[in-house]
Amino acid sequence: MRQIDKADLFFQKRNQNHLRYAINLTGWIGFQNWGDDYPVSISFGCLAENKDERTRIVKALTESGVESRLFSAGDLSQHPAFKNKFEVHTNETAKRVHNTRFLFAESDTT
């Protein structure tokens, strides 16, 4: 219950982090335009131009001590756990997300 009392502060800090990522990454990497919404999430999602660019970016981030995560969605029919169980989909958006998306974590405490 004590966490509920802190919810507004967490939302505010996550929003600030989200906006900071957007300001610093505009023109460098693709990400969602949230328009007039108030983004509050646990991560900031980015889209590289292609899979090779994502690999280069994530490698450079790792070598610089910056944590990132590959996104675990997109074309689920391509994930090892599902590959032989479900029909392969051909949705281009799902393929792009699967191949090019990565995330930065958004901390409540920074």
Protein backbone atom coordinates (compact mmCIF):
# COMPACT_ATOMS: atom_id res chain seq x y z
CA MET A 1 0.00 0.00 0.00
CA ARG A 2 2.89 2.39 0.60
CA GLN A 3 3.77 2.14 -3.10
CA ILE A 4 0.31 3.44 -4.02
CA ASP A 5 1.09 6.62 -2.09
CA LYS A 6 4.16 7.06 -4.30
CA ALA A 7 2.39 6.36 -7.61
CA ASP A 8 2.06 9.99 -8.70
CA LEU A 9 5.75 10.60 -8.04
CA PHE A 10 6.68 7.45 -10.01
CA PHE A 11 4.47 8.54 -12.92
CA GLN A 12 6.04 12.00 -12.93
CA LYS A 13 9.61 10.65 -12.87
CA ARG A 14 8.92 8.08 -15.59
CA ASN A 15 7.33 10.77 -17.73
CA GLN A 16 10.36 13.03 -17.20
CA ASN A 17 12.69 10.19 -18.18
CA HIS A 18 10.59 9.40 -21.25
CA LEU A 19 10.68 13.03 -22.38
CA ARG A 20 14.44 13.21 -21.73
CA TYR A 21 15.02 10.20 -23.98
CA ALA A 22 12.85 11.77 -26.69
CA ILE A 23 14.68 15.08 -26.56
CA ASN A 24 18.11 13.46 -26.64
CA LEU A 25 17.30 10.87 -29.32
CA THR A 26 15.28 12.98 -31.77
CA GLY A 27 16.98 12.82 -35.15
CA TRP A 28 19.16 9.87 -34.13
CA ILE A 29 16.72 6.96 -33.84
CA GLY A 30 13.06 6.27 -34.53
CA PHE A 31 10.48 6.10 -31.75
CA GLN A 32 6.74 6.45 -31.28
CA ASN A 33 5.08 9.84 -31.54
CA TRP A 34 2.70 9.88 -28.58
CA GLY A 35 1.09 13.19 -29.56
CA ASP A 36 -0.76 14.81 -26.67
CA ASP A 37 -0.63 11.70 -24.49
CA TYR A 38 1.33 11.62 -21.22
CA PRO A 39 3.81 8.73 -21.62
CA VAL A 40 4.45 6.77 -18.44
CA SER A 41 6.11 3.44 -19.11
CA ILE A 42 8.82 1.18 -17.78
CA SER A 43 10.90 1.57 -20.94
CA PHE A 44 11.54 3.81 -23.93
CA GLY A 45 11.19 1.88 -27.18
CA CYS A 46 13.31 2.68 -30.23
CA LEU A 47 13.33 1.38 -33.79
CA ALA A 48 16.58 1.07 -35.71
CA GLU A 49 16.57 1.26 -39.50
CA ASN A 50 17.32 -2.46 -39.78
CA LYS A 51 18.54 -5.47 -37.79
CA ASP A 52 22.24 -4.75 -38.48
CA GLU A 53 21.89 -1.18 -37.25
CA ARG A 54 20.15 -2.42 -34.10
CA THR A 55 23.02 -4.84 -33.50
CA ARG A 56 25.59 -2.02 -33.90
CA ILE A 57 23.64 0.33 -31.61
CA VAL A 58 23.09 -2.25 -28.86
CA LYS A 59 26.77 -3.29 -29.04
CA ALA A 60 27.93 0.35 -28.75
CA LEU A 61 25.55 0.96 -25.84
CA THR A 62 26.77 -2.17 -24.05
CA GLU A 63 30.43 -1.23 -24.58
CA SER A 64 29.64 2.22 -23.13
CA GLY A 65 27.96 0.75 -20.05
CA VAL A 66 24.43 1.72 -21.12
CA GLU A 67 21.84 -0.98 -20.55
CA SER A 68 19.29 -1.76 -23.21
CA ARG A 69 16.96 -4.63 -23.96
CA LEU A 70 15.78 -6.24 -27.14
CA PHE A 71 12.03 -6.07 -27.41
CA SER A 72 10.28 -9.37 -26.85
CA ALA A 73 7.29 -8.89 -29.10
CA GLY A 74 6.79 -8.04 -32.73
CA ASP A 75 6.50 -11.16 -34.85
CA LEU A 76 6.02 -13.80 -32.16
CA SER A 77 5.98 -16.52 -34.81
CA GLN A 78 9.74 -15.90 -35.17
CA HIS A 79 10.56 -16.44 -31.48
CA PRO A 80 12.18 -19.79 -30.70
CA ALA A 81 9.46 -20.74 -28.22
CA PHE A 82 6.73 -20.27 -30.83
CA LYS A 83 8.53 -20.93 -34.12
CA ASN A 84 7.41 -24.52 -34.55
CA LYS A 85 4.02 -24.15 -32.87
CA PHE A 86 2.30 -21.42 -34.84
CA GLU A 87 1.91 -20.27 -38.39
CA VAL A 88 4.50 -17.74 -39.55
CA HIS A 89 2.95 -14.32 -40.05
CA THR A 90 3.81 -11.87 -42.79
CA ASN A 91 2.76 -8.59 -41.15
CA GLU A 92 5.45 -6.05 -42.10
CA THR A 93 5.00 -3.95 -38.96
CA ALA A 94 5.41 -7.00 -36.72
CA LYS A 95 8.52 -8.00 -38.67
CA ARG A 96 10.02 -4.53 -38.31
CA VAL A 97 9.36 -4.43 -34.57
CA HIS A 98 10.79 -7.94 -34.19
CA ASN A 99 13.97 -7.12 -36.11
CA THR A 100 14.72 -3.52 -35.14
CA ARG A 101 13.24 -2.60 -31.75
CA PHE A 102 15.22 -2.18 -28.55
CA LEU A 103 14.44 -0.55 -25.21
CA PHE A 104 15.97 1.72 -22.61
CA ALA A 105 14.77 1.17 -19.06
CA GLU A 106 13.02 4.04 -17.28
CA SER A 107 13.84 4.22 -13.60
CA ASP A 108 11.58 5.70 -10.95
CA THR A 109 14.56 6.97 -9.03
CA THR A 110 16.63 8.97 -11.52
